[in-house]
Every structure is written in C-alpha cells, then in structure tokens.
C-alpha cells in the first residue's frame, strides 16, 4: 500500500510480469526459466485508471497484440472484482534473450508458432 492507502503502482507492474511469466510457462509446457533462451522485457508502459485498495481481488487478462520479426507486443488489462472495472492497462515489448551468452537472441520459431497457433495471423505485423 502506498501513502494514499492504494496498492503501490509497482505492484501493478509485478502483476503484469507474473502474467507474462505464466503465459510463457504455459506456452513452453513447463518451466521456461530453465531454458537457455528466455523472454526479456524491452519496454513497458502502464496507464493507471482506478486505485486498487485492500481487500480486493484482481484478474489479469494478457493478450498478444502484435508479433514482429524479433519481438512480441503484449497488452494486459487488470480488473478489480470489488469495483467490477478495469484499473490499469499495460503494454510491453518482449524480446528473446540468451541467458548463457548474455545477449539478444533471434526470436525462437517455437514461440512464434505458439502465438500464431493461439491468436492466428491477425497478430502478424
């Protein structure tokens, strides 16, 4: 909670990070963190619409809105169940990262296929 007794804005960012981690975990059929190639956050924004206060339950809806050659653009919406409304909208760009070589990696074809299988060609840019 922050000084205004709202959930601190950094918590919203952690919620979105958890949703992205879960998406990749499911997409990879297990623990993607044990992989050499992992998703890494390239940039993120967040529009705070309505304050969340304790107690509340939030629901996070994360979608892929654009699949590019070397990255993917995600859009997440955080909903308050107490207030039955969107409380924040966040966009983020993810790239592939080689955790052993410590540098950017080509976007894996398996990731592309997973996104295309789920969302279809409408996300291609």
C-alpha atoms as a PDB file:
ATOM      1  CA  UNK A   1       0.000   0.000   0.000  1.00  0.00           C
ATOM      2  CA  UNK A   2       1.221   3.493  -0.717  1.00  0.00           C
ATOM      3  CA  UNK A   3       0.767   6.726   1.240  1.00  0.00           C
ATOM      4  CA  UNK A   4      -2.781   7.119  -0.147  1.00  0.00           C
ATOM      5  CA  UNK A   5      -3.619   3.565   1.036  1.00  0.00           C
ATOM      6  CA  UNK A   6      -3.791   2.260  -2.541  1.00  0.00           C
ATOM      7  CA  UNK A   7      -1.884  -0.716  -3.870  1.00  0.00           C
ATOM      8  CA  UNK A   8       1.511   0.706  -4.849  1.00  0.00           C
ATOM      9  CA  UNK A   9       1.969   1.271  -8.588  1.00  0.00           C
ATOM     10  CA  UNK A  10       4.982  -1.059  -8.694  1.00  0.00           C
ATOM     11  CA  UNK A  11       2.705  -3.931  -7.661  1.00  0.00           C
ATOM     12  CA  UNK A  12       0.704  -3.482 -10.870  1.00  0.00           C
ATOM     13  CA  UNK A  13       3.946  -3.970 -12.813  1.00  0.00           C
ATOM     14  CA  UNK A  14       4.723  -7.125 -10.820  1.00  0.00           C
ATOM     15  CA  UNK A  15       1.244  -8.477 -11.505  1.00  0.00           C
ATOM     16  CA  UNK A  16       1.815  -7.993 -15.234  1.00  0.00           C
ATOM     17  CA  UNK A  17       5.237  -9.619 -15.005  1.00  0.00           C
ATOM     18  CA  UNK A  18       3.687 -12.631 -13.277  1.00  0.00           C
ATOM     19  CA  UNK A  19       1.058 -12.884 -16.023  1.00  0.00           C
ATOM     20  CA  UNK A  20       3.751 -12.781 -18.741  1.00  0.00           C
ATOM     21  CA  UNK A  21       5.821 -15.404 -16.905  1.00  0.00           C
ATOM     22  CA  UNK A  22       2.773 -17.650 -16.610  1.00  0.00           C
ATOM     23  CA  UNK A  23       1.947 -17.186 -20.299  1.00  0.00           C
ATOM     24  CA  UNK A  24       5.446 -18.301 -21.330  1.00  0.00           C
ATOM     25  CA  UNK A  25       5.446 -21.151 -18.816  1.00  0.00           C
ATOM     26  CA  UNK A  26       2.193 -22.498 -20.260  1.00  0.00           C
ATOM     27  CA  UNK A  27       3.328 -21.860 -23.824  1.00  0.00           C
ATOM     28  CA  UNK A  28       6.535 -23.825 -23.241  1.00  0.00           C
ATOM     29  CA  UNK A  29       4.733 -26.647 -21.453  1.00  0.00           C
ATOM     30  CA  UNK A  30       6.631 -26.235 -18.215  1.00  0.00           C
ATOM     31  CA  UNK A  31       9.379 -24.118 -16.688  1.00  0.00           C
ATOM     32  CA  UNK A  32      10.737 -21.791 -19.363  1.00  0.00           C
ATOM     33  CA  UNK A  33      13.218 -20.350 -16.857  1.00  0.00           C
ATOM     34  CA  UNK A  34      15.353 -23.488 -17.161  1.00  0.00           C
ATOM     35  CA  UNK A  35      15.748 -22.740 -20.864  1.00  0.00           C
ATOM     36  CA  UNK A  36      18.820 -21.066 -22.328  1.00  0.00           C
ATOM     37  CA  UNK A  37      16.603 -18.687 -24.349  1.00  0.00           C
ATOM     38  CA  UNK A  38      14.178 -16.673 -22.235  1.00  0.00           C
ATOM     39  CA  UNK A  39      11.858 -13.716 -22.834  1.00  0.00           C
ATOM     40  CA  UNK A  40      13.169 -10.372 -21.643  1.00  0.00           C
ATOM     41  CA  UNK A  41      11.299  -7.119 -21.194  1.00  0.00           C
ATOM     42  CA  UNK A  42      12.377  -4.498 -23.753  1.00  0.00           C
ATOM     43  CA  UNK A  43       9.961  -1.775 -22.612  1.00  0.00           C
ATOM     44  CA  UNK A  44       6.730  -1.349 -20.693  1.00  0.00           C
ATOM     45  CA  UNK A  45       4.099   1.265 -20.032  1.00  0.00           C
ATOM     46  CA  UNK A  46       1.163   1.300 -17.682  1.00  0.00           C
ATOM     47  CA  UNK A  47      -1.887   3.525 -17.564  1.00  0.00           C
ATOM     48  CA  UNK A  48      -3.332   3.624 -14.064  1.00  0.00           C
ATOM     49  CA  UNK A  49      -7.086   4.129 -14.303  1.00  0.00           C
ATOM     50  CA  UNK A  50      -8.537   3.407 -10.863  1.00  0.00           C
ATOM     51  CA  UNK A  51      -6.886   2.712  -7.495  1.00  0.00           C
ATOM     52  CA  UNK A  52      -6.947  -0.781  -6.017  1.00  0.00           C
ATOM     53  CA  UNK A  53      -7.337  -0.965  -2.257  1.00  0.00           C
ATOM     54  CA  UNK A  54      -7.169  -3.847   0.199  1.00  0.00           C
ATOM     55  CA  UNK A  55      -9.070  -6.106   0.285  1.00  0.00           C
ATOM     56  CA  UNK A  56      -9.690  -6.744  -3.411  1.00  0.00           C
ATOM     57  CA  UNK A  57      -9.076  -9.461  -5.971  1.00  0.00           C
ATOM     58  CA  UNK A  58      -7.701  -8.604  -9.379  1.00  0.00           C
ATOM     59  CA  UNK A  59      -7.985 -10.527 -12.618  1.00  0.00           C
ATOM     60  CA  UNK A  60      -5.338 -10.059 -15.288  1.00  0.00           C
ATOM     61  CA  UNK A  61      -6.128 -10.528 -18.958  1.00  0.00           C
ATOM     62  CA  UNK A  62      -2.980 -10.692 -21.113  1.00  0.00           C
ATOM     63  CA  UNK A  63      -3.045 -10.795 -24.900  1.00  0.00           C
ATOM     64  CA  UNK A  64      -0.517 -10.712 -27.690  1.00  0.00           C
ATOM     65  CA  UNK A  65      -1.497  -7.858 -29.977  1.00  0.00           C
ATOM     66  CA  UNK A  66       1.447  -7.795 -32.371  1.00  0.00           C
ATOM     67  CA  UNK A  67       4.021 -10.376 -33.411  1.00  0.00           C
ATOM     68  CA  UNK A  68       7.057  -8.880 -35.128  1.00  0.00           C
ATOM     69  CA  UNK A  69      10.169 -10.498 -36.524  1.00  0.00           C
ATOM     70  CA  UNK A  70      12.237 -10.024 -33.345  1.00  0.00           C
ATOM     71  CA  UNK A  71       9.698  -9.239 -30.625  1.00  0.00           C
ATOM     72  CA  UNK A  72       6.150  -9.518 -29.392  1.00  0.00           C
ATOM     73  CA  UNK A  73       3.861  -6.755 -28.134  1.00  0.00           C
ATOM     74  CA  UNK A  74       1.641  -7.673 -25.188  1.00  0.00           C
ATOM     75  CA  UNK A  75      -1.344  -5.829 -23.780  1.00  0.00           C
ATOM     76  CA  UNK A  76      -2.585  -6.557 -20.316  1.00  0.00           C
ATOM     77  CA  UNK A  77      -5.672  -5.360 -18.512  1.00  0.00           C
ATOM     78  CA  UNK A  78      -6.048  -5.531 -14.761  1.00  0.00           C
ATOM     79  CA  UNK A  79      -9.618  -5.785 -13.440  1.00  0.00           C
ATOM     80  CA  UNK A  80     -10.862  -5.154  -9.905  1.00  0.00           C
ATOM     81  CA  UNK A  81     -13.507  -7.653  -8.839  1.00  0.00           C
ATOM     82  CA  UNK A  82     -14.606  -5.383  -5.981  1.00  0.00           C
ATOM     83  CA  UNK A  83     -15.297  -2.448  -8.303  1.00  0.00           C
ATOM     84  CA  UNK A  84     -16.072  -4.549 -11.410  1.00  0.00           C
ATOM     85  CA  UNK A  85     -13.914  -2.386 -13.651  1.00  0.00           C
ATOM     86  CA  UNK A  86     -10.545  -2.069 -15.363  1.00  0.00           C
ATOM     87  CA  UNK A  87      -7.996  -0.499 -13.031  1.00  0.00           C
ATOM     88  CA  UNK A  88      -4.957  -0.456 -15.344  1.00  0.00           C
ATOM     89  CA  UNK A  89      -3.875  -1.154 -18.914  1.00  0.00           C
ATOM     90  CA  UNK A  90      -0.290  -2.068 -19.680  1.00  0.00           C
ATOM     91  CA  UNK A  91       1.652  -2.691 -22.872  1.00  0.00           C
ATOM     92  CA  UNK A  92       5.041  -4.333 -23.050  1.00  0.00           C
ATOM     93  CA  UNK A  93       7.501  -5.475 -25.676  1.00  0.00           C
ATOM     94  CA  UNK A  94       9.355  -8.750 -25.165  1.00  0.00           C
ATOM     95  CA  UNK A  95      12.431  -9.990 -26.968  1.00  0.00           C
ATOM     96  CA  UNK A  96      14.366 -13.247 -26.786  1.00  0.00           C
ATOM     97  CA  UNK A  97      17.493 -13.298 -24.631  1.00  0.00           C
ATOM     98  CA  UNK A  98      20.299 -15.847 -24.449  1.00  0.00           C
ATOM     99  CA  UNK A  99      20.874 -16.277 -20.710  1.00  0.00           C
ATOM    100  CA  UNK A 100      24.230 -18.001 -21.233  1.00  0.00           C
ATOM    101  CA  UNK A 101      25.742 -15.635 -23.815  1.00  0.00           C
ATOM    102  CA  UNK A 102      24.079 -12.659 -22.065  1.00  0.00           C
ATOM    103  CA  UNK A 103      22.804 -11.064 -25.275  1.00  0.00           C
ATOM    104  CA  UNK A 104      19.774 -10.732 -27.504  1.00  0.00           C
ATOM    105  CA  UNK A 105      18.809 -13.862 -29.426  1.00  0.00           C
ATOM    106  CA  UNK A 106      16.710 -14.429 -32.542  1.00  0.00           C
ATOM    107  CA  UNK A 107      13.040 -14.854 -31.695  1.00  0.00           C
ATOM    108  CA  UNK A 108      12.522 -18.643 -31.446  1.00  0.00           C
ATOM    109  CA  UNK A 109      10.310 -20.229 -34.086  1.00  0.00           C
ATOM    110  CA  UNK A 110       8.641 -22.315 -31.353  1.00  0.00           C
ATOM    111  CA  UNK A 111       7.476 -19.101 -29.666  1.00  0.00           C
ATOM    112  CA  UNK A 112       6.190 -17.695 -32.965  1.00  0.00           C
ATOM    113  CA  UNK A 113       4.323 -20.911 -33.673  1.00  0.00           C
ATOM    114  CA  UNK A 114       2.731 -20.948 -30.204  1.00  0.00           C
ATOM    115  CA  UNK A 115       1.472 -17.379 -30.597  1.00  0.00           C
ATOM    116  CA  UNK A 116       0.220 -17.958 -34.142  1.00  0.00           C
ATOM    117  CA  UNK A 117      -1.484 -21.225 -33.187  1.00  0.00           C
ATOM    118  CA  UNK A 118      -3.347 -19.453 -30.389  1.00  0.00           C
ATOM    119  CA  UNK A 119      -4.047 -15.991 -31.886  1.00  0.00           C
ATOM    120  CA  UNK A 120      -3.937 -16.624 -35.631  1.00  0.00           C
ATOM    121  CA  UNK A 121      -2.394 -14.470 -38.350  1.00  0.00           C
ATOM    122  CA  UNK A 122      -4.128 -11.281 -37.146  1.00  0.00           C
ATOM    123  CA  UNK A 123      -1.185 -10.557 -34.806  1.00  0.00           C
ATOM    124  CA  UNK A 124       1.408 -10.572 -37.599  1.00  0.00           C
ATOM    125  CA  UNK A 125       2.961  -7.192 -38.395  1.00  0.00           C
END
